[in-house]
């Protein structure tokens, strides 16, 4: 069992067991076929987002981030089947932004 504890001091907490350190995703994990999407309208649901991004490739997962009350935070992630599909939308956005 792997544990973590604080140095000795008057308010020391007992050791805490750290579960699944190896298999769990870490903060900042890069998934090459996943794209961050910001500025999502609060009325947009995951199904709407999936339909929109399907024009760029095969979407395998869509996740809109919600707060504790279940209200959209206005951003999320779209995962494509391949890294090439994810790159396609990024390239299209770059071309579009140079035209504006």
PDB file of N, CA and C in Angstrom:
ATOM      1  N   UNK A   1       0.843  -1.177   0.000  1.00  0.00           N
ATOM      2  CA  UNK A   1       0.000   0.000   0.000  1.00  0.00           C
ATOM      3  C   UNK A   1       0.884   1.235   0.000  1.00  0.00           C
ATOM      4  N   UNK A   2       0.592   2.177  -0.896  1.00  0.00           N
ATOM      5  CA  UNK A   2       1.347   3.415  -0.975  1.00  0.00           C
ATOM      6  C   UNK A   2       0.609   4.462  -0.151  1.00  0.00           C
ATOM      7  N   UNK A   3       1.341   5.184   0.669  1.00  0.00           N
ATOM      8  CA  UNK A   3       0.710   6.199   1.511  1.00  0.00           C
ATOM      9  C   UNK A   3       1.452   7.507   1.383  1.00  0.00           C
ATOM     10  N   UNK A   4       0.765   8.558   1.783  1.00  0.00           N
ATOM     11  CA  UNK A   4       1.356   9.886   1.795  1.00  0.00           C
ATOM     12  C   UNK A   4       1.048  10.482   3.159  1.00  0.00           C
ATOM     13  N   UNK A   5       2.038  11.081   3.785  1.00  0.00           N
ATOM     14  CA  UNK A   5       1.771  11.691   5.085  1.00  0.00           C
ATOM     15  C   UNK A   5       2.527  13.003   5.194  1.00  0.00           C
ATOM     16  N   UNK A   6       2.105  13.802   6.129  1.00  0.00           N
ATOM     17  CA  UNK A   6       2.729  15.097   6.371  1.00  0.00           C
ATOM     18  C   UNK A   6       3.839  14.941   7.392  1.00  0.00           C
ATOM     19  N   UNK A   7       4.810  15.844   7.378  1.00  0.00           N
ATOM     20  CA  UNK A   7       5.856  15.782   8.396  1.00  0.00           C
ATOM     21  C   UNK A   7       5.236  15.963   9.785  1.00  0.00           C
ATOM     22  N   UNK A   8       5.948  15.509  10.803  1.00  0.00           N
ATOM     23  CA  UNK A   8       5.433  15.607  12.168  1.00  0.00           C
ATOM     24  C   UNK A   8       5.220  17.055  12.557  1.00  0.00           C
ATOM     25  N   UNK A   9       4.022  17.338  13.021  1.00  0.00           N
ATOM     26  CA  UNK A   9       3.668  18.649  13.547  1.00  0.00           C
ATOM     27  C   UNK A   9       2.436  18.444  14.418  1.00  0.00           C
ATOM     28  N   UNK A  10       2.060  19.423  15.220  1.00  0.00           N
ATOM     29  CA  UNK A  10       0.946  19.241  16.161  1.00  0.00           C
ATOM     30  C   UNK A  10      -0.378  18.830  15.503  1.00  0.00           C
ATOM     31  N   UNK A  11      -0.650  19.270  14.281  1.00  0.00           N
ATOM     32  CA  UNK A  11      -1.921  18.959  13.626  1.00  0.00           C
ATOM     33  C   UNK A  11      -1.756  17.925  12.515  1.00  0.00           C
ATOM     34  N   UNK A  12      -0.901  16.943  12.722  1.00  0.00           N
ATOM     35  CA  UNK A  12      -0.625  15.945  11.696  1.00  0.00           C
ATOM     36  C   UNK A  12      -1.854  15.080  11.423  1.00  0.00           C
ATOM     37  N   UNK A  13      -2.045  14.782  10.139  1.00  0.00           N
ATOM     38  CA  UNK A  13      -3.140  13.926   9.693  1.00  0.00           C
ATOM     39  C   UNK A  13      -2.587  12.523   9.497  1.00  0.00           C
ATOM     40  N   UNK A  14      -3.408  11.530   9.735  1.00  0.00           N
ATOM     41  CA  UNK A  14      -2.988  10.149   9.516  1.00  0.00           C
ATOM     42  C   UNK A  14      -2.671   9.927   8.042  1.00  0.00           C
ATOM     43  N   UNK A  15      -1.819   8.937   7.738  1.00  0.00           N
ATOM     44  CA  UNK A  15      -1.501   8.647   6.339  1.00  0.00           C
ATOM     45  C   UNK A  15      -2.767   8.354   5.537  1.00  0.00           C
ATOM     46  N   UNK A  16      -2.739   8.770   4.275  1.00  0.00           N
ATOM     47  CA  UNK A  16      -3.874   8.575   3.383  1.00  0.00           C
ATOM     48  C   UNK A  16      -3.461   7.622   2.281  1.00  0.00           C
ATOM     49  N   UNK A  17      -4.291   6.632   2.009  1.00  0.00           N
ATOM     50  CA  UNK A  17      -3.993   5.684   0.942  1.00  0.00           C
ATOM     51  C   UNK A  17      -4.278   6.337  -0.406  1.00  0.00           C
ATOM     52  N   UNK A  18      -3.337   6.215  -1.335  1.00  0.00           N
ATOM     53  CA  UNK A  18      -3.502   6.766  -2.671  1.00  0.00           C
ATOM     54  C   UNK A  18      -3.825   5.617  -3.617  1.00  0.00           C
ATOM     55  N   UNK A  19      -5.044   5.578  -4.112  1.00  0.00           N
ATOM     56  CA  UNK A  19      -5.494   4.492  -4.979  1.00  0.00           C
ATOM     57  C   UNK A  19      -5.232   4.782  -6.445  1.00  0.00           C
ATOM     58  N   UNK A  20      -4.975   3.746  -7.190  1.00  0.00           N
ATOM     59  CA  UNK A  20      -4.894   3.793  -8.655  1.00  0.00           C
ATOM     60  C   UNK A  20      -3.982   4.896  -9.182  1.00  0.00           C
ATOM     61  N   UNK A  21      -2.813   5.038  -8.619  1.00  0.00           N
ATOM     62  CA  UNK A  21      -1.909   6.085  -9.070  1.00  0.00           C
ATOM     63  C   UNK A  21      -1.413   5.845 -10.486  1.00  0.00           C
ATOM     64  N   UNK A  22      -1.225   4.602 -10.860  1.00  0.00           N
ATOM     65  CA  UNK A  22      -0.653   4.307 -12.159  1.00  0.00           C
ATOM     66  C   UNK A  22      -1.709   4.347 -13.262  1.00  0.00           C
ATOM     67  N   UNK A  23      -2.903   3.769 -13.033  1.00  0.00           N
ATOM     68  CA  UNK A  23      -3.891   3.639 -14.084  1.00  0.00           C
ATOM     69  C   UNK A  23      -4.780   4.844 -14.308  1.00  0.00           C
ATOM     70  N   UNK A  24      -4.831   5.782 -13.387  1.00  0.00           N
ATOM     71  CA  UNK A  24      -5.763   6.895 -13.544  1.00  0.00           C
ATOM     72  C   UNK A  24      -5.131   8.019 -14.361  1.00  0.00           C
ATOM     73  N   UNK A  25      -5.968   8.735 -15.157  1.00  0.00           N
ATOM     74  CA  UNK A  25      -5.427   9.841 -15.942  1.00  0.00           C
ATOM     75  C   UNK A  25      -4.927  10.955 -15.022  1.00  0.00           C
ATOM     76  N   UNK A  26      -3.888  11.597 -15.413  1.00  0.00           N
ATOM     77  CA  UNK A  26      -3.324  12.676 -14.633  1.00  0.00           C
ATOM     78  C   UNK A  26      -3.799  14.011 -15.199  1.00  0.00           C
ATOM     79  N   UNK A  27      -3.787  15.023 -14.351  1.00  0.00           N
ATOM     80  CA  UNK A  27      -4.140  16.366 -14.778  1.00  0.00           C
ATOM     81  C   UNK A  27      -3.239  16.764 -15.929  1.00  0.00           C
ATOM     82  N   UNK A  28      -3.826  17.264 -17.001  1.00  0.00           N
ATOM     83  CA  UNK A  28      -3.035  17.701 -18.132  1.00  0.00           C
ATOM     84  C   UNK A  28      -2.698  16.612 -19.123  1.00  0.00           C
ATOM     85  N   UNK A  29      -3.356  15.450 -19.023  1.00  0.00           N
ATOM     86  CA  UNK A  29      -3.099  14.369 -19.956  1.00  0.00           C
ATOM     87  C   UNK A  29      -3.454  14.812 -21.371  1.00  0.00           C
ATOM     88  N   UNK A  30      -2.558  14.588 -22.312  1.00  0.00           N
ATOM     89  CA  UNK A  30      -2.790  14.966 -23.704  1.00  0.00           C
ATOM     90  C   UNK A  30      -3.343  13.768 -24.460  1.00  0.00           C
ATOM     91  N   UNK A  31      -4.479  13.986 -25.108  1.00  0.00           N
ATOM     92  CA  UNK A  31      -5.065  12.977 -25.988  1.00  0.00           C
ATOM     93  C   UNK A  31      -5.047  13.593 -27.383  1.00  0.00           C
ATOM     94  N   UNK A  32      -4.196  13.094 -28.289  1.00  0.00           N
ATOM     95  CA  UNK A  32      -3.991  13.747 -29.585  1.00  0.00           C
ATOM     96  C   UNK A  32      -5.251  13.905 -30.435  1.00  0.00           C
ATOM     97  N   UNK A  33      -6.241  13.060 -30.233  1.00  0.00           N
ATOM     98  CA  UNK A  33      -7.453  13.142 -31.053  1.00  0.00           C
ATOM     99  C   UNK A  33      -8.595  13.866 -30.331  1.00  0.00           C
ATOM    100  N   UNK A  34      -8.284  14.571 -29.244  1.00  0.00           N
ATOM    101  CA  UNK A  34      -9.292  15.315 -28.481  1.00  0.00           C
ATOM    102  C   UNK A  34      -9.058  16.815 -28.643  1.00  0.00           C
ATOM    103  N   UNK A  35     -10.161  17.548 -28.875  1.00  0.00           N
ATOM    104  CA  UNK A  35     -10.087  18.980 -29.130  1.00  0.00           C
ATOM    105  C   UNK A  35     -10.880  19.723 -28.057  1.00  0.00           C
ATOM    106  N   UNK A  36     -10.290  20.776 -27.504  1.00  0.00           N
ATOM    107  CA  UNK A  36     -10.978  21.649 -26.564  1.00  0.00           C
ATOM    108  C   UNK A  36     -11.899  22.568 -27.354  1.00  0.00           C
ATOM    109  N   UNK A  37     -13.126  22.751 -26.859  1.00  0.00           N
ATOM    110  CA  UNK A  37     -14.080  23.650 -27.500  1.00  0.00           C
ATOM    111  C   UNK A  37     -14.574  24.644 -26.451  1.00  0.00           C
ATOM    112  N   UNK A  38     -14.346  25.913 -26.685  1.00  0.00           N
ATOM    113  CA  UNK A  38     -14.794  26.947 -25.761  1.00  0.00           C
ATOM    114  C   UNK A  38     -15.895  27.791 -26.370  1.00  0.00           C
ATOM    115  N   UNK A  39     -16.565  28.561 -25.544  1.00  0.00           N
ATOM    116  CA  UNK A  39     -17.612  29.450 -26.023  1.00  0.00           C
ATOM    117  C   UNK A  39     -18.886  28.737 -26.432  1.00  0.00           C
ATOM    118  N   UNK A  40     -19.144  27.587 -25.830  1.00  0.00           N
ATOM    119  CA  UNK A  40     -20.347  26.816 -26.156  1.00  0.00           C
ATOM    120  C   UNK A  40     -21.553  27.494 -25.526  1.00  0.00           C
ATOM    121  N   UNK A  41     -22.585  27.717 -26.316  1.00  0.00           N
ATOM    122  CA  UNK A  41     -23.823  28.311 -25.810  1.00  0.00           C
ATOM    123  C   UNK A  41     -24.410  27.398 -24.738  1.00  0.00           C
ATOM    124  N   UNK A  42     -24.960  27.989 -23.699  1.00  0.00           N
ATOM    125  CA  UNK A  42     -25.483  27.222 -22.573  1.00  0.00           C
ATOM    126  C   UNK A  42     -26.672  26.342 -22.950  1.00  0.00           C
ATOM    127  N   UNK A  43     -27.317  26.648 -24.075  1.00  0.00           N
ATOM    128  CA  UNK A  43     -28.453  25.835 -24.527  1.00  0.00           C
ATOM    129  C   UNK A  43     -28.012  24.631 -25.354  1.00  0.00           C
ATOM    130  N   UNK A  44     -26.747  24.604 -25.753  1.00  0.00           N
ATOM    131  CA  UNK A  44     -26.223  23.511 -26.570  1.00  0.00           C
ATOM    132  C   UNK A  44     -26.025  22.273 -25.717  1.00  0.00           C
ATOM    133  N   UNK A  45     -26.479  21.118 -26.224  1.00  0.00           N
ATOM    134  CA  UNK A  45     -26.252  19.870 -25.502  1.00  0.00           C
ATOM    135  C   UNK A  45     -25.193  19.044 -26.236  1.00  0.00           C
ATOM    136  N   UNK A  46     -24.787  17.949 -25.638  1.00  0.00           N
ATOM    137  CA  UNK A  46     -23.717  17.129 -26.208  1.00  0.00           C
ATOM    138  C   UNK A  46     -24.103  16.547 -27.561  1.00  0.00           C
ATOM    139  N   UNK A  47     -25.373  16.219 -27.743  1.00  0.00           N
ATOM    140  CA  UNK A  47     -25.841  15.681 -29.015  1.00  0.00           C
ATOM    141  C   UNK A  47     -25.703  16.721 -30.130  1.00  0.00           C
ATOM    142  N   UNK A  48     -26.067  17.980 -29.835  1.00  0.00           N
ATOM    143  CA  UNK A  48     -25.918  19.071 -30.807  1.00  0.00           C
ATOM    144  C   UNK A  48     -24.455  19.249 -31.195  1.00  0.00           C
ATOM    145  N   UNK A  49     -23.587  19.210 -30.207  1.00  0.00           N
ATOM    146  CA  UNK A  49     -22.158  19.384 -30.441  1.00  0.00           C
ATOM    147  C   UNK A  49     -21.613  18.251 -31.309  1.00  0.00           C
ATOM    148  N   UNK A  50     -22.056  17.039 -31.022  1.00  0.00           N
ATOM    149  CA  UNK A  50     -21.602  15.876 -31.799  1.00  0.00           C
ATOM    150  C   UNK A  50     -22.040  16.001 -33.258  1.00  0.00           C
ATOM    151  N   UNK A  51     -23.276  16.416 -33.476  1.00  0.00           N
ATOM    152  CA  UNK A  51     -23.774  16.587 -34.846  1.00  0.00           C
ATOM    153  C   UNK A  51     -22.965  17.638 -35.595  1.00  0.00           C
ATOM    154  N   UNK A  52     -22.660  18.744 -34.934  1.00  0.00           N
ATOM    155  CA  UNK A  52     -21.898  19.803 -35.582  1.00  0.00           C
ATOM    156  C   UNK A  52     -20.501  19.318 -35.976  1.00  0.00           C
ATOM    157  N   UNK A  53     -19.797  18.679 -35.053  1.00  0.00           N
ATOM    158  CA  UNK A  53     -18.415  18.280 -35.311  1.00  0.00           C
ATOM    159  C   UNK A  53     -18.302  17.041 -36.194  1.00  0.00           C
ATOM    160  N   UNK A  54     -19.388  16.334 -36.407  1.00  0.00           N
ATOM    161  CA  UNK A  54     -19.368  15.147 -37.273  1.00  0.00           C
ATOM    162  C   UNK A  54     -18.995  15.511 -38.710  1.00  0.00           C
ATOM    163  N   UNK A  55     -19.183  16.760 -39.106  1.00  0.00           N
ATOM    164  CA  UNK A  55     -18.808  17.174 -40.462  1.00  0.00           C
ATOM    165  C   UNK A  55     -17.295  17.159 -40.664  1.00  0.00           C
ATOM    166  N   UNK A  56     -16.535  17.103 -39.584  1.00  0.00           N
ATOM    167  CA  UNK A  56     -15.080  17.088 -39.669  1.00  0.00           C
ATOM    168  C   UNK A  56     -14.485  15.695 -39.529  1.00  0.00           C
ATOM    169  N   UNK A  57     -15.293  14.720 -39.101  1.00  0.00           N
ATOM    170  CA  UNK A  57     -14.797  13.355 -38.948  1.00  0.00           C
ATOM    171  C   UNK A  57     -15.671  12.566 -37.997  1.00  0.00           C
ATOM    172  N   UNK A  58     -15.225  11.373 -37.712  1.00  0.00           N
ATOM    173  CA  UNK A  58     -15.972  10.463 -36.848  1.00  0.00           C
ATOM    174  C   UNK A  58     -15.759  10.833 -35.378  1.00  0.00           C
ATOM    175  N   UNK A  59     -16.817  11.339 -34.740  1.00  0.00           N
ATOM    176  CA  UNK A  59     -16.751  11.760 -33.343  1.00  0.00           C
ATOM    177  C   UNK A  59     -17.052  10.555 -32.446  1.00  0.00           C
ATOM    178  N   UNK A  60     -16.127  10.250 -31.545  1.00  0.00           N
ATOM    179  CA  UNK A  60     -16.316   9.106 -30.657  1.00  0.00           C
ATOM    180  C   UNK A  60     -16.847   9.495 -29.286  1.00  0.00           C
ATOM    181  N   UNK A  61     -16.598  10.760 -28.874  1.00  0.00           N
ATOM    182  CA  UNK A  61     -17.047  11.195 -27.551  1.00  0.00           C
ATOM    183  C   UNK A  61     -17.163  12.718 -27.514  1.00  0.00           C
ATOM    184  N   UNK A  62     -18.170  13.184 -26.808  1.00  0.00           N
ATOM    185  CA  UNK A  62     -18.356  14.613 -26.582  1.00  0.00           C
ATOM    186  C   UNK A  62     -18.636  14.799 -25.098  1.00  0.00           C
ATOM    187  N   UNK A  63     -17.972  15.776 -24.493  1.00  0.00           N
ATOM    188  CA  UNK A  63     -18.183  16.047 -23.075  1.00  0.00           C
ATOM    189  C   UNK A  63     -18.253  17.549 -22.860  1.00  0.00           C
ATOM    190  N   UNK A  64     -19.435  18.024 -22.437  1.00  0.00           N
ATOM    191  CA  UNK A  64     -19.586  19.419 -22.038  1.00  0.00           C
ATOM    192  C   UNK A  64     -19.413  19.454 -20.522  1.00  0.00           C
ATOM    193  N   UNK A  65     -18.574  20.339 -20.042  1.00  0.00           N
ATOM    194  CA  UNK A  65     -18.290  20.430 -18.614  1.00  0.00           C
ATOM    195  C   UNK A  65     -19.394  21.232 -17.923  1.00  0.00           C
ATOM    196  N   UNK A  66     -19.934  20.659 -16.857  1.00  0.00           N
ATOM    197  CA  UNK A  66     -21.000  21.291 -16.075  1.00  0.00           C
ATOM    198  C   UNK A  66     -20.518  21.594 -14.666  1.00  0.00           C
ATOM    199  N   UNK A  67     -21.169  22.577 -14.032  1.00  0.00           N
ATOM    200  CA  UNK A  67     -20.861  22.856 -12.638  1.00  0.00           C
ATOM    201  C   UNK A  67     -21.615  21.871 -11.742  1.00  0.00           C
ATOM    202  N   UNK A  68     -21.497  22.020 -10.447  1.00  0.00           N
ATOM    203  CA  UNK A  68     -22.132  21.084  -9.504  1.00  0.00           C
ATOM    204  C   UNK A  68     -23.650  21.068  -9.618  1.00  0.00           C
ATOM    205  N   UNK A  69     -24.218  22.163 -10.084  1.00  0.00           N
ATOM    206  CA  UNK A  69     -25.680  22.249 -10.238  1.00  0.00           C
ATOM    207  C   UNK A  69     -26.131  21.677 -11.580  1.00  0.00           C
ATOM    208  N   UNK A  70     -25.180  21.234 -12.402  1.00  0.00           N
ATOM    209  CA  UNK A  70     -25.520  20.659 -13.700  1.00  0.00           C
ATOM    210  C   UNK A  70     -25.650  21.684 -14.811  1.00  0.00           C
ATOM    211  N   UNK A  71     -25.220  22.916 -14.560  1.00  0.00           N
ATOM    212  CA  UNK A  71     -25.288  23.978 -15.562  1.00  0.00           C
ATOM    213  C   UNK A  71     -23.977  24.004 -16.353  1.00  0.00           C
ATOM    214  N   UNK A  72     -24.093  24.115 -17.666  1.00  0.00           N
ATOM    215  CA  UNK A  72     -22.920  24.138 -18.534  1.00  0.00           C
ATOM    216  C   UNK A  72     -21.982  25.279 -18.163  1.00  0.00           C
ATOM    217  N   UNK A  73     -20.680  24.980 -18.180  1.00  0.00           N
ATOM    218  CA  UNK A  73     -19.673  26.015 -17.944  1.00  0.00           C
ATOM    219  C   UNK A  73     -19.262  26.690 -19.252  1.00  0.00           C
ATOM    220  N   UNK A  74     -19.830  26.235 -20.371  1.00  0.00           N
ATOM    221  CA  UNK A  74     -19.561  26.870 -21.654  1.00  0.00           C
ATOM    222  C   UNK A  74     -18.339  26.341 -22.386  1.00  0.00           C
ATOM    223  N   UNK A  75     -17.798  25.223 -21.938  1.00  0.00           N
ATOM    224  CA  UNK A  75     -16.686  24.601 -22.654  1.00  0.00           C
ATOM    225  C   UNK A  75     -16.771  23.087 -22.539  1.00  0.00           C
ATOM    226  N   UNK A  76     -16.012  22.422 -23.399  1.00  0.00           N
ATOM    227  CA  UNK A  76     -16.029  20.965 -23.371  1.00  0.00           C
ATOM    228  C   UNK A  76     -14.945  20.396 -24.259  1.00  0.00           C
ATOM    229  N   UNK A  77     -15.080  19.116 -24.569  1.00  0.00           N
ATOM    230  CA  UNK A  77     -14.089  18.397 -25.358  1.00  0.00           C
ATOM    231  C   UNK A  77     -14.789  17.509 -26.370  1.00  0.00           C
ATOM    232  N   UNK A  78     -14.223  17.448 -27.572  1.00  0.00           N
ATOM    233  CA  UNK A  78     -14.723  16.569 -28.624  1.00  0.00           C
ATOM    234  C   UNK A  78     -13.589  15.625 -28.981  1.00  0.00           C
ATOM    235  N   UNK A  79     -13.863  14.327 -28.936  1.00  0.00           N
ATOM    236  CA  UNK A  79     -12.856  13.325 -29.272  1.00  0.00           C
ATOM    237  C   UNK A  79     -13.206  12.698 -30.609  1.00  0.00           C
ATOM    238  N   UNK A  80     -12.245  12.729 -31.517  1.00  0.00           N
ATOM    239  CA  UNK A  80     -12.405  12.135 -32.837  1.00  0.00           C
ATOM    240  C   UNK A  80     -11.775  10.750 -32.847  1.00  0.00           C
ATOM    241  N   UNK A  81     -12.156   9.965 -33.839  1.00  0.00           N
ATOM    242  CA  UNK A  81     -11.617   8.603 -33.927  1.00  0.00           C
ATOM    243  C   UNK A  81     -10.111   8.608 -34.194  1.00  0.00           C
ATOM    244  N   UNK A  82      -9.654   9.569 -34.992  1.00  0.00           N
ATOM    245  CA  UNK A  82      -8.222   9.610 -35.313  1.00  0.00           C
ATOM    246  C   UNK A  82      -7.650  10.992 -35.040  1.00  0.00           C
ATOM    247  N   UNK A  83      -6.343  11.027 -34.905  1.00  0.00           N
ATOM    248  CA  UNK A  83      -5.647  12.288 -34.703  1.00  0.00           C
ATOM    249  C   UNK A  83      -5.743  13.160 -35.953  1.00  0.00           C
ATOM    250  N   UNK A  84      -5.774  12.541 -37.121  1.00  0.00           N
ATOM    251  CA  UNK A  84      -5.861  13.287 -38.376  1.00  0.00           C
ATOM    252  C   UNK A  84      -7.167  14.076 -38.466  1.00  0.00           C
ATOM    253  N   UNK A  85      -8.263  13.473 -37.982  1.00  0.00           N
ATOM    254  CA  UNK A  85      -9.551  14.163 -37.996  1.00  0.00           C
ATOM    255  C   UNK A  85      -9.528  15.371 -37.055  1.00  0.00           C
ATOM    256  N   UNK A  86      -8.909  15.206 -35.913  1.00  0.00           N
ATOM    257  CA  UNK A  86      -8.794  16.309 -34.965  1.00  0.00           C
ATOM    258  C   UNK A  86      -7.927  17.422 -35.558  1.00  0.00           C
ATOM    259  N   UNK A  87      -6.868  17.060 -36.246  1.00  0.00           N
ATOM    260  CA  UNK A  87      -5.991  18.047 -36.876  1.00  0.00           C
ATOM    261  C   UNK A  87      -6.714  18.797 -37.990  1.00  0.00           C
ATOM    262  N   UNK A  88      -7.618  18.110 -38.691  1.00  0.00           N
ATOM    263  CA  UNK A  88      -8.360  18.732 -39.789  1.00  0.00           C
ATOM    264  C   UNK A  88      -9.155  19.931 -39.284  1.00  0.00           C
ATOM    265  N   UNK A  89      -9.861  19.772 -38.190  1.00  0.00           N
ATOM    266  CA  UNK A  89     -10.648  20.904 -37.684  1.00  0.00           C
ATOM    267  C   UNK A  89      -9.747  22.022 -37.190  1.00  0.00           C
ATOM    268  N   UNK A  90      -8.625  21.685 -36.594  1.00  0.00           N
ATOM    269  CA  UNK A  90      -7.699  22.719 -36.132  1.00  0.00           C
ATOM    270  C   UNK A  90      -7.141  23.507 -37.314  1.00  0.00           C
ATOM    271  N   UNK A  91      -6.838  22.825 -38.409  1.00  0.00           N
ATOM    272  CA  UNK A  91      -6.338  23.504 -39.606  1.00  0.00           C
ATOM    273  C   UNK A  91      -7.422  24.382 -40.214  1.00  0.00           C
ATOM    274  N   UNK A  92      -8.672  23.889 -40.251  1.00  0.00           N
ATOM    275  CA  UNK A  92      -9.771  24.667 -40.793  1.00  0.00           C
ATOM    276  C   UNK A  92     -10.000  25.931 -39.971  1.00  0.00           C
ATOM    277  N   UNK A  93      -9.869  25.829 -38.663  1.00  0.00           N
ATOM    278  CA  UNK A  93     -10.046  26.996 -37.788  1.00  0.00           C
ATOM    279  C   UNK A  93      -8.923  28.003 -38.038  1.00  0.00           C
ATOM    280  N   UNK A  94      -7.711  27.523 -38.219  1.00  0.00           N
ATOM    281  CA  UNK A  94      -6.570  28.414 -38.492  1.00  0.00           C
ATOM    282  C   UNK A  94      -6.795  29.173 -39.804  1.00  0.00           C
ATOM    283  N   UNK A  95      -7.267  28.496 -40.842  1.00  0.00           N
ATOM    284  CA  UNK A  95      -7.520  29.136 -42.127  1.00  0.00           C
ATOM    285  C   UNK A  95      -8.627  30.172 -41.978  1.00  0.00           C
ATOM    286  N   UNK A  96      -9.678  29.817 -41.265  1.00  0.00           N
ATOM    287  CA  UNK A  96     -10.797  30.721 -41.054  1.00  0.00           C
ATOM    288  C   UNK A  96     -10.365  31.971 -40.297  1.00  0.00           C
ATOM    289  N   UNK A  97      -9.537  31.798 -39.269  1.00  0.00           N
ATOM    290  CA  UNK A  97      -9.123  32.945 -38.457  1.00  0.00           C
ATOM    291  C   UNK A  97      -8.246  33.907 -39.259  1.00  0.00           C
ATOM    292  N   UNK A  98      -7.504  33.412 -40.242  1.00  0.00           N
ATOM    293  CA  UNK A  98      -6.688  34.310 -41.067  1.00  0.00           C
ATOM    294  C   UNK A  98      -7.549  35.087 -42.051  1.00  0.00           C
ATOM    295  N   UNK A  99      -8.751  34.589 -42.329  1.00  0.00           N
ATOM    296  CA  UNK A  99      -9.651  35.257 -43.264  1.00  0.00           C
ATOM    297  C   UNK A  99     -10.452  36.368 -42.596  1.00  0.00           C
ATOM    298  N   UNK A 100     -10.516  36.351 -41.270  1.00  0.00           N
ATOM    299  CA  UNK A 100     -11.319  37.356 -40.558  1.00  0.00           C
ATOM    300  C   UNK A 100     -10.596  38.663 -40.400  1.00  0.00           C
TER     301      UNK A 100
END
